[in-house]
Protein backbone atom coordinates (compact mmCIF):
# COMPACT_ATOMS: atom_id res chain seq x y z
CA UNK A 1 41.73 11.48 5.71
CA UNK A 2 40.21 14.32 3.64
CA UNK A 3 38.12 13.25 1.16
CA UNK A 4 37.96 14.44 -2.65
CA UNK A 5 37.47 13.47 -6.30
CA UNK A 6 40.84 11.80 -6.42
CA UNK A 7 40.12 9.62 -3.51
CA UNK A 8 36.96 8.63 -4.81
CA UNK A 9 38.85 7.82 -8.19
CA UNK A 10 41.37 5.71 -5.72
CA UNK A 11 38.23 4.02 -3.91
CA UNK A 12 36.70 3.08 -7.45
CA UNK A 13 40.02 1.98 -8.83
CA UNK A 14 40.88 -0.33 -5.73
CA UNK A 15 37.57 -1.81 -6.49
CA UNK A 16 38.08 -2.31 -9.98
CA UNK A 17 41.17 -3.78 -9.16
CA UNK A 18 39.71 -6.28 -6.64
CA UNK A 19 36.77 -7.22 -9.31
CA UNK A 20 39.39 -7.69 -12.05
CA UNK A 21 41.27 -10.30 -9.64
CA UNK A 22 38.34 -11.86 -8.53
CA UNK A 23 37.53 -12.34 -12.12
CA UNK A 24 41.07 -14.26 -12.39
CA UNK A 25 40.73 -16.09 -9.38
CA UNK A 26 37.62 -17.63 -10.65
CA UNK A 27 39.36 -18.55 -13.59
CA UNK A 28 42.57 -19.77 -12.23
CA UNK A 29 41.31 -21.38 -8.75
CA UNK A 30 39.37 -24.80 -9.18
CA UNK A 31 37.85 -24.14 -5.49
CA UNK A 32 35.97 -21.06 -6.91
CA UNK A 33 34.93 -22.77 -9.83
CA UNK A 34 33.18 -25.56 -7.96
CA UNK A 35 31.87 -22.85 -5.39
CA UNK A 36 30.49 -21.16 -8.48
CA UNK A 37 31.62 -17.72 -6.84
CA UNK A 38 30.94 -14.67 -8.30
CA UNK A 39 33.74 -12.27 -8.90
CA UNK A 40 32.11 -9.51 -6.84
CA UNK A 41 31.87 -12.15 -4.02
CA UNK A 42 35.45 -13.11 -4.53
CA UNK A 43 36.57 -9.21 -4.52
CA UNK A 44 34.33 -8.13 -1.45
CA UNK A 45 36.09 -11.02 0.94
CA UNK A 46 39.45 -9.75 -0.52
CA UNK A 47 38.55 -6.32 0.41
CA UNK A 48 37.47 -7.64 3.97
CA UNK A 49 40.73 -9.35 4.06
CA UNK A 50 42.96 -6.62 2.86
CA UNK A 51 40.71 -3.57 3.83
CA UNK A 52 40.23 -1.72 7.35
CA UNK A 53 38.71 -4.25 8.97
CA UNK A 54 41.61 -6.79 8.29
CA UNK A 55 45.20 -6.23 7.54
CA UNK A 56 44.25 -2.69 6.05
CA UNK A 57 46.98 -2.24 3.17
CA UNK A 58 44.33 -1.28 0.60
CA UNK A 59 44.20 2.86 0.21
CA UNK A 60 40.46 2.79 1.19
CA UNK A 61 39.03 6.22 1.92
CA UNK A 62 37.03 6.40 5.17
CA UNK A 63 33.88 6.63 3.26
CA UNK A 64 33.54 2.81 2.15
CA UNK A 65 30.97 2.18 4.01
CA UNK A 66 28.88 5.09 2.40
CA UNK A 67 29.00 4.31 -1.25
CA UNK A 68 26.59 0.87 -0.63
CA UNK A 69 24.14 3.63 0.41
CA UNK A 70 24.34 5.51 -2.98
CA UNK A 71 24.45 2.78 -5.04
CA UNK A 72 21.46 0.93 -4.12
CA UNK A 73 19.44 4.31 -4.50
CA UNK A 74 20.99 3.84 -8.52
CA UNK A 75 19.87 0.15 -8.60
CA UNK A 76 16.28 1.51 -7.45
CA UNK A 77 16.34 4.19 -10.09
CA UNK A 78 16.97 1.53 -12.60
CA UNK A 79 14.14 -0.90 -11.99
CA UNK A 80 11.28 1.10 -12.99
CA UNK A 81 13.00 1.22 -16.34
CA UNK A 82 13.26 -2.61 -16.79
CA UNK A 83 9.87 -3.53 -15.96
CA UNK A 84 8.30 -5.32 -19.11
CA UNK A 85 5.17 -4.27 -20.47
CA UNK A 86 2.15 -6.92 -19.79
CA UNK A 87 -1.17 -7.90 -20.53
CA UNK A 88 -3.30 -7.29 -17.28
CA UNK A 89 -5.41 -10.91 -18.48
CA UNK A 90 -2.43 -12.53 -18.71
CA UNK A 91 -0.84 -11.16 -15.37
CA UNK A 92 -4.03 -13.03 -13.73
CA UNK A 93 -4.20 -16.29 -15.97
CA UNK A 94 -0.51 -16.76 -16.28
CA UNK A 95 1.52 -16.06 -13.35
CA UNK A 96 -0.90 -15.75 -10.53
CA UNK A 97 0.94 -18.75 -8.66
CA UNK A 98 4.19 -17.02 -9.32
CA UNK A 99 3.19 -14.01 -7.75
CA UNK A 100 1.66 -15.42 -4.64
CA UNK A 101 4.43 -17.91 -4.39
CA UNK A 102 6.91 -15.14 -4.69
CA UNK A 103 4.97 -12.76 -2.41
CA UNK A 104 4.63 -15.31 0.54
CA UNK A 105 8.79 -16.17 0.21
CA UNK A 106 9.57 -12.64 0.50
CA UNK A 107 6.96 -11.05 2.91
CA UNK A 108 6.46 -13.74 5.44
CA UNK A 109 10.38 -13.87 5.79
CA UNK A 110 10.58 -10.17 7.02
CA UNK A 111 7.65 -11.00 9.20
CA UNK A 112 8.97 -13.81 10.51
CA UNK A 113 12.39 -12.57 11.18
CA UNK A 114 10.67 -9.48 13.20
CA UNK A 115 8.87 -12.39 15.23
CA UNK A 116 12.11 -14.58 16.18
CA UNK A 117 13.57 -11.32 17.33
CA UNK A 118 10.65 -10.67 19.48
CA UNK A 119 9.85 -14.05 21.01
CA UNK A 120 13.28 -15.67 20.59
CA UNK A 121 16.27 -13.41 20.35
CA UNK A 122 15.36 -10.93 22.86
CA UNK A 123 14.72 -13.15 25.33
CA UNK A 124 17.80 -15.18 25.12
CA UNK A 125 20.23 -12.20 24.21
CA UNK A 126 21.11 -9.04 25.96
CA UNK A 127 21.08 -5.45 23.87
CA UNK A 128 19.19 -7.25 21.04
CA UNK A 129 17.36 -4.52 18.70
CA UNK A 130 13.86 -4.56 18.14
CA UNK A 131 14.87 -4.78 14.45
CA UNK A 132 17.46 -7.17 14.26
CA UNK A 133 15.91 -10.11 12.52
CA UNK A 134 15.63 -7.71 9.59
CA UNK A 135 19.15 -7.94 8.79
CA UNK A 136 18.46 -11.57 8.07
CA UNK A 137 15.39 -10.69 5.77
CA UNK A 138 17.48 -7.82 4.15
CA UNK A 139 20.73 -9.89 3.24
CA UNK A 140 18.88 -12.94 2.28
CA UNK A 141 15.64 -12.46 0.01
CA UNK A 142 17.02 -9.07 -0.31
CA UNK A 143 21.17 -9.30 -0.94
CA UNK A 144 23.78 -6.68 -0.57
CA UNK A 145 21.61 -3.74 -2.14
CA UNK A 146 18.76 -4.60 0.16
CA UNK A 147 20.92 -4.62 3.46
CA UNK A 148 22.32 -1.35 2.14
CA UNK A 149 18.92 -0.08 1.99
CA UNK A 150 18.20 -1.22 5.57
CA UNK A 151 21.34 -0.39 7.20
CA UNK A 152 20.75 3.55 5.86
CA UNK A 153 17.20 3.34 7.21
CA UNK A 154 18.49 2.22 10.54
CA UNK A 155 21.73 4.59 10.85
CA UNK A 156 18.95 7.24 10.63
CA UNK A 157 17.39 6.12 14.08
CA UNK A 158 20.81 5.69 15.35
CA UNK A 159 21.28 1.99 14.78
CA UNK A 160 24.74 2.15 12.88
CA UNK A 161 25.90 -1.50 13.13
CA UNK A 162 22.58 -2.49 11.29
CA UNK A 163 24.59 -1.85 7.71
CA UNK A 164 27.80 -4.49 8.59
CA UNK A 165 25.34 -7.03 10.28
CA UNK A 166 23.34 -6.82 6.85
CA UNK A 167 26.12 -7.06 4.61
CA UNK A 168 27.55 -10.08 6.53
CA UNK A 169 23.93 -11.81 6.35
CA UNK A 170 23.79 -10.96 2.31
CA UNK A 171 27.38 -12.37 1.88
CA UNK A 172 26.39 -16.20 3.89
CA UNK A 173 23.19 -15.74 2.10
CA UNK A 174 24.84 -15.82 -1.49
CA UNK A 175 27.27 -18.27 -0.52
CA UNK A 176 24.18 -20.67 0.79
CA UNK A 177 22.53 -19.83 -2.60
CA UNK A 178 24.93 -21.20 -4.70
CA UNK A 179 26.72 -23.96 -2.76
CA UNK A 180 23.40 -25.42 -1.58
CA UNK A 181 21.69 -24.85 -4.91
CA UNK A 182 24.31 -26.75 -6.78
CA UNK A 183 23.97 -29.34 -4.41
CA UNK A 184 20.05 -29.29 -5.22
CA UNK A 185 20.60 -29.27 -8.60
CA UNK A 186 23.34 -32.25 -8.50
CA UNK A 187 20.67 -34.48 -6.23
CA UNK A 188 17.74 -33.28 -8.76
CA UNK A 189 19.48 -34.48 -12.00
CA UNK A 190 20.45 -37.65 -10.56
CA UNK A 191 16.87 -38.36 -9.22
CA UNK A 192 15.15 -37.23 -12.64
CA UNK A 193 13.70 -34.28 -11.18
CA UNK A 194 15.06 -31.91 -13.47
CA UNK A 195 13.06 -31.09 -17.14
CA UNK A 196 16.45 -30.07 -19.28
CA UNK A 197 19.37 -31.18 -17.57
CA UNK A 198 20.04 -35.14 -17.80
CA UNK A 199 23.17 -34.95 -15.93
CA UNK A 200 25.78 -32.70 -13.72
CA UNK A 201 28.29 -33.62 -15.79
CA UNK A 202 26.79 -32.16 -18.79
CA UNK A 203 27.18 -28.36 -17.34
CA UNK A 204 29.52 -26.16 -19.79
CA UNK A 205 33.22 -24.95 -18.65
CA UNK A 206 31.75 -21.25 -18.99
CA UNK A 207 29.82 -21.63 -16.08
CA UNK A 208 32.66 -22.97 -14.15
CA UNK A 209 35.28 -20.27 -15.56
CA UNK A 210 32.77 -17.33 -16.02
CA UNK A 211 34.29 -16.97 -19.67
CA UNK A 212 32.41 -17.29 -22.57
CA UNK A 213 34.05 -18.60 -25.82
CA UNK A 214 33.51 -16.68 -29.02
CA UNK A 215 31.06 -18.70 -30.84
CA UNK A 216 28.73 -18.46 -27.78
CA UNK A 217 28.76 -14.73 -27.51
CA UNK A 218 25.62 -12.33 -27.78
CA UNK A 219 25.22 -9.04 -28.50
CA UNK A 220 24.09 -7.07 -25.20
CA UNK A 221 22.63 -3.98 -26.77
CA UNK A 222 21.24 -1.83 -29.61
CA UNK A 223 22.27 1.56 -30.65
CA UNK A 224 19.08 3.87 -30.09
CA UNK A 225 20.71 7.49 -30.57
CA UNK A 226 23.54 8.12 -33.31
CA UNK A 227 27.26 8.10 -31.46
CA UNK A 228 27.36 11.41 -33.33
CA UNK A 229 24.98 12.61 -31.04
CA UNK A 230 25.49 11.31 -27.79
CA UNK A 231 27.12 7.96 -27.24
CA UNK A 232 24.56 5.69 -26.41
CA UNK A 233 25.70 4.40 -22.87
CA UNK A 234 26.28 7.92 -21.94
CA UNK A 235 22.43 8.45 -22.50
CA UNK A 236 21.62 5.79 -20.49
CA UNK A 237 23.73 6.66 -17.64
CA UNK A 238 22.75 10.08 -17.89
CA UNK A 239 19.06 8.95 -17.29
CA UNK A 240 19.81 6.71 -14.39
CA UNK A 241 22.12 9.00 -12.60
CA UNK A 242 19.37 12.27 -13.03
CA UNK A 243 16.88 9.65 -11.75
CA UNK A 244 19.04 9.13 -8.74
CA UNK A 245 19.95 12.57 -8.08
CA UNK A 246 16.28 13.79 -8.13
CA UNK A 247 15.36 10.93 -5.45
CA UNK A 248 18.17 12.49 -3.54
CA UNK A 249 16.87 15.70 -3.22
CA UNK A 250 12.92 14.34 -2.96
CA UNK A 251 14.21 12.50 0.27
CA UNK A 252 15.72 15.67 1.64
CA UNK A 253 12.28 17.49 0.93
CA UNK A 254 10.18 15.25 2.76
CA UNK A 255 12.63 15.03 5.53
CA UNK A 256 12.39 18.57 5.93
CA UNK A 257 8.66 18.43 5.92
CA UNK A 258 8.21 15.37 8.30
CA UNK A 259 11.27 15.82 10.34
CA UNK A 260 12.21 12.35 12.21
CA UNK A 261 10.42 9.92 9.71
CA UNK A 262 13.14 10.14 7.03
CA UNK A 263 12.25 8.20 3.58
CA UNK A 264 15.35 6.40 2.18
CA UNK A 265 16.84 7.74 -1.07
CA UNK A 266 16.31 4.27 -2.99
CA UNK A 267 12.66 4.89 -2.05
CA UNK A 268 12.15 8.00 -3.52
CA UNK A 269 14.55 7.30 -6.33
CA UNK A 270 12.28 4.08 -7.35
CA UNK A 271 9.31 6.47 -7.13
CA UNK A 272 11.15 9.02 -9.30
CA UNK A 273 12.09 6.49 -12.07
CA UNK A 274 8.19 5.50 -11.87
CA UNK A 275 7.22 8.97 -12.76
CA UNK A 276 9.74 9.39 -15.68
CA UNK A 277 9.22 6.17 -17.29
CA UNK A 278 5.55 6.96 -17.40
CA UNK A 279 6.82 10.19 -18.96
CA UNK A 280 8.66 8.24 -21.27
CA UNK A 281 5.96 5.63 -22.45
CA UNK A 282 3.30 8.64 -22.76
CA UNK A 283 5.64 10.47 -24.84
CA UNK A 284 6.65 7.56 -27.05
CA UNK A 285 10.19 8.37 -25.99
CA UNK A 286 10.89 5.17 -24.43
CA UNK A 287 11.47 3.61 -27.74
CA UNK A 288 14.65 5.31 -27.62
CA UNK A 289 15.64 3.34 -23.96
CA UNK A 290 17.56 0.11 -24.45
CA UNK A 291 16.55 -1.69 -21.22
CA UNK A 292 20.22 -4.13 -21.93
CA UNK A 293 22.00 -0.87 -21.31
CA UNK A 294 19.93 -0.06 -18.30
CA UNK A 295 20.50 -3.70 -17.13
CA UNK A 296 24.18 -3.14 -17.66
CA UNK A 297 24.22 -0.15 -15.55
CA UNK A 298 22.19 -1.92 -12.86
CA UNK A 299 24.33 -5.20 -12.49
CA UNK A 300 27.60 -2.92 -12.61
CA UNK A 301 26.09 -0.50 -9.66
CA UNK A 302 25.34 -4.39 -7.79
CA UNK A 303 28.71 -5.39 -8.30
CA UNK A 304 30.25 -2.66 -6.92
CA UNK A 305 27.91 -2.24 -4.29
CA UNK A 306 28.70 -5.93 -3.14
CA UNK A 307 32.58 -5.43 -3.22
CA UNK A 308 32.02 -2.01 -1.15
CA UNK A 309 29.36 -3.69 1.01
CA UNK A 310 31.55 -6.73 2.13
CA UNK A 311 34.77 -4.54 2.32
CA UNK A 312 33.23 -2.78 4.73
CA UNK A 313 31.71 -5.28 7.20
CA UNK A 314 33.00 -4.51 10.55
CA UNK A 315 34.26 -7.73 12.04
CA UNK A 316 34.39 -6.77 15.48
CA UNK A 317 30.57 -5.83 15.21
CA UNK A 318 29.76 -9.20 13.86
CA UNK A 319 31.68 -11.01 16.47
CA UNK A 320 29.58 -9.23 19.21
CA UNK A 321 26.53 -10.72 17.52
CA UNK A 322 27.68 -14.27 16.37
CA UNK A 323 24.94 -16.33 18.68
CA UNK A 324 21.85 -14.57 17.30
CA UNK A 325 23.41 -14.33 13.73
CA UNK A 326 23.83 -18.29 13.57
CA UNK A 327 20.54 -18.60 14.75
CA UNK A 328 19.16 -16.35 12.09
CA UNK A 329 21.12 -18.28 9.17
CA UNK A 330 19.98 -21.47 10.23
CA UNK A 331 16.37 -20.36 10.33
CA UNK A 332 16.88 -18.62 6.92
CA UNK A 333 18.52 -21.64 5.42
CA UNK A 334 15.54 -23.93 6.70
CA UNK A 335 12.86 -21.42 5.76
CA UNK A 336 13.89 -21.33 1.90
CA UNK A 337 14.55 -25.16 1.97
CA UNK A 338 10.79 -25.58 2.91
CA UNK A 339 9.77 -23.23 0.22
CA UNK A 340 11.92 -25.01 -2.58
CA UNK A 341 11.14 -28.60 -1.17
CA UNK A 342 7.51 -28.37 -0.64
CA UNK A 343 5.91 -25.12 -0.94
CA UNK A 344 6.98 -24.74 -5.06
CA UNK A 345 5.07 -28.25 -5.84
CA UNK A 346 2.13 -26.80 -4.22
CA UNK A 347 2.07 -23.36 -5.96
CA UNK A 348 3.43 -24.51 -9.31
CA UNK A 349 1.42 -26.78 -11.92
CA UNK A 350 4.70 -27.21 -14.34
CA UNK A 351 8.47 -27.04 -13.63
CA UNK A 352 8.04 -26.85 -9.92
CA UNK A 353 11.92 -28.03 -9.66
CA UNK A 354 13.06 -25.24 -11.98
CA UNK A 355 10.97 -22.55 -10.45
CA UNK A 356 11.74 -23.57 -7.10
CA UNK A 357 15.32 -23.57 -7.76
CA UNK A 358 14.84 -20.04 -8.94
CA UNK A 359 13.42 -18.96 -5.78
CA UNK A 360 15.90 -20.28 -3.58
CA UNK A 361 18.41 -18.66 -5.48
CA UNK A 362 17.00 -15.40 -4.83
CA UNK A 363 15.88 -15.96 -1.47
CA UNK A 364 18.78 -16.87 -0.13
CA UNK A 365 20.92 -14.47 -2.42
CA UNK A 366 19.80 -12.23 -5.08
CA UNK A 367 17.75 -12.77 -8.08
CA UNK A 368 20.87 -12.79 -10.17
CA UNK A 369 21.72 -15.65 -8.32
CA UNK A 370 18.08 -17.35 -8.98
CA UNK A 371 18.78 -16.38 -12.71
CA UNK A 372 22.39 -18.43 -12.37
CA UNK A 373 21.16 -21.36 -10.92
CA UNK A 374 17.98 -21.30 -13.43
CA UNK A 375 20.14 -21.06 -16.14
CA UNK A 376 22.15 -24.32 -15.12
CA UNK A 377 19.14 -26.58 -15.33
CA UNK A 378 17.15 -24.50 -17.80
CA UNK A 379 19.83 -23.12 -20.20
CA UNK A 380 17.01 -21.91 -22.90
CA UNK A 381 14.34 -20.63 -20.40
CA UNK A 382 11.66 -23.08 -21.38
CA UNK A 383 10.28 -23.40 -18.20
CA UNK A 384 9.38 -19.57 -18.18
CA UNK A 385 9.83 -19.34 -14.60
CA UNK A 386 12.01 -16.03 -15.55
CA UNK A 387 9.44 -14.70 -17.69
CA UNK A 388 6.70 -14.97 -15.11
CA UNK A 389 8.94 -13.60 -12.29
CA UNK A 390 9.33 -10.44 -14.54
CA UNK A 391 5.73 -10.15 -14.85
CA UNK A 392 4.76 -11.03 -11.26
CA UNK A 393 7.29 -8.47 -10.28
CA UNK A 394 5.43 -5.47 -11.68
CA UNK A 395 2.64 -5.82 -8.98
CA UNK A 396 4.84 -7.11 -6.38
CA UNK A 397 7.58 -4.56 -6.70
CA UNK A 398 5.50 -1.89 -4.64
CA UNK A 399 4.75 -4.46 -1.72
CA UNK A 400 8.83 -4.88 -1.72
CA UNK A 401 9.18 -1.30 -1.57
CA UNK A 402 6.59 -0.62 1.35
CA UNK A 403 8.04 -3.45 3.32
CA UNK A 404 12.00 -2.42 3.14
CA UNK A 405 10.80 1.29 3.68
CA UNK A 406 8.14 0.92 6.61
CA UNK A 407 9.56 -2.12 8.46
CA UNK A 408 12.64 -0.39 9.94
CA UNK A 409 10.24 2.37 10.99
CA UNK A 410 7.69 0.28 12.80
CA UNK A 411 10.73 -1.63 14.13
CA UNK A 412 12.36 1.48 16.12
CA UNK A 413 8.98 2.82 17.00
CA UNK A 414 7.88 -0.30 19.02
CA UNK A 415 5.20 -1.57 16.27
CA UNK A 416 6.88 -4.60 15.74
CA UNK A 417 3.46 -6.96 16.54
CA UNK A 418 1.60 -4.37 14.04
CA UNK A 419 3.87 -5.07 11.17
CA UNK A 420 3.68 -9.02 11.97
CA UNK A 421 -0.27 -8.95 11.94
CA UNK A 422 -0.51 -6.70 8.61
CA UNK A 423 2.18 -9.30 6.78
CA UNK A 424 -0.01 -12.26 7.86
CA UNK A 425 -3.21 -10.77 7.21
CA UNK A 426 -1.62 -10.02 3.44
CA UNK A 427 -0.51 -13.48 2.95
CA UNK A 428 -3.48 -14.96 3.93
CA UNK A 429 -5.29 -12.66 1.58
CA UNK A 430 -3.26 -13.56 -1.61
CA UNK A 431 -3.60 -17.36 -0.53
CA UNK A 432 -7.42 -17.32 -0.83
CA UNK A 433 -7.32 -15.19 -3.96
CA UNK A 434 -5.02 -18.03 -5.52
CA UNK A 435 -6.87 -20.54 -4.46
CA UNK A 436 -10.21 -19.06 -5.43
CA UNK A 437 -8.99 -18.49 -9.16
CA UNK A 438 -7.33 -21.90 -8.88
CA UNK A 439 -3.83 -20.62 -9.33
CA UNK A 440 -2.19 -23.34 -7.16
CA UNK A 441 -1.48 -27.10 -7.85
CA UNK A 442 -3.79 -28.74 -5.39
CA UNK A 443 -4.39 -31.78 -7.52
């Protein structure tokens, strides 16, 4: 099939139709309400069933597997523009425990997944790629966006199957995030562990249907420029698109310099975003940047990425790895359960259940899933879990970018043990600093 701008429009139109259908199915079908499945997941599963890997009745182009790689660059271009301003003293005194906890949860999963590949999966199964375990870390603690990023990185080194495996991992992770997370909430409310939710039956209807009634709606953004000059949303879209495009050119420029060691576009888009954000801040132009608009662009790109990502999963590839994948999924669930059940009370002095539940959400699915679960037990955000994570993410984000960028490279170049040792050493240092500064709940 020849690809053209009209075929691009058809791809976007089909995904839009699936998203709208996902919204309606969430409203109409009780089982989707009970599972709290987002419209993007429902739409993606429909795309998988009706798309090229299913009955193949949707008019998708042969480029649908390429969209997630582009969209993750858009998501990473948005991240530097969303970071809150903070006081460095507050950073150390208030959110040290959240920084340590989230760094451990993210980093150790990547190292342990690499370790499991080397000591368990490769001896048990034939033809297991050195980076196989990373598809779990990318899908669970990263989500579909990180799965797309890892898939793009491995594709540059000849392992095309990584994208389908990562997307499968991310889909399973989000379903586990919601379904098991809601069981945690129900059990916690019954046993009095929740600080703000007294009964699971008190959940409002909008959480189930996904539709917000008129009297509960809030304005999502403020105009910072006159529409007589440029539409405010168009201004923000232009900024994000420019950053993404510059990230693409930067990636190709670096690739031309170093050759085989390609740097993914999402990484360079993030770096360009940091530079642009710095320039905006120094020139005081950031006062015209409305973070709610950037957040909407980020959220839209993520939703569309999820649909394309799930719809482009190659079922035959997944079936060929079903054994090692199931072992990875079991490990991922148990890993995050340990953090929620036992490590959260050790790290957090207050609101351990709420903060642990939030980490369960993003540790198995995405940050968005963590926020969704947190809003169920803490609708007014009194635990400050989200605020703490937002501030902690500032020093943590470069670590994540480095891990996501270099983990595939180290896996394909035979440096798995070096990667594992670096991560373990890093986590030990962070924990020692946390104990010294009394960030932990050791009483």
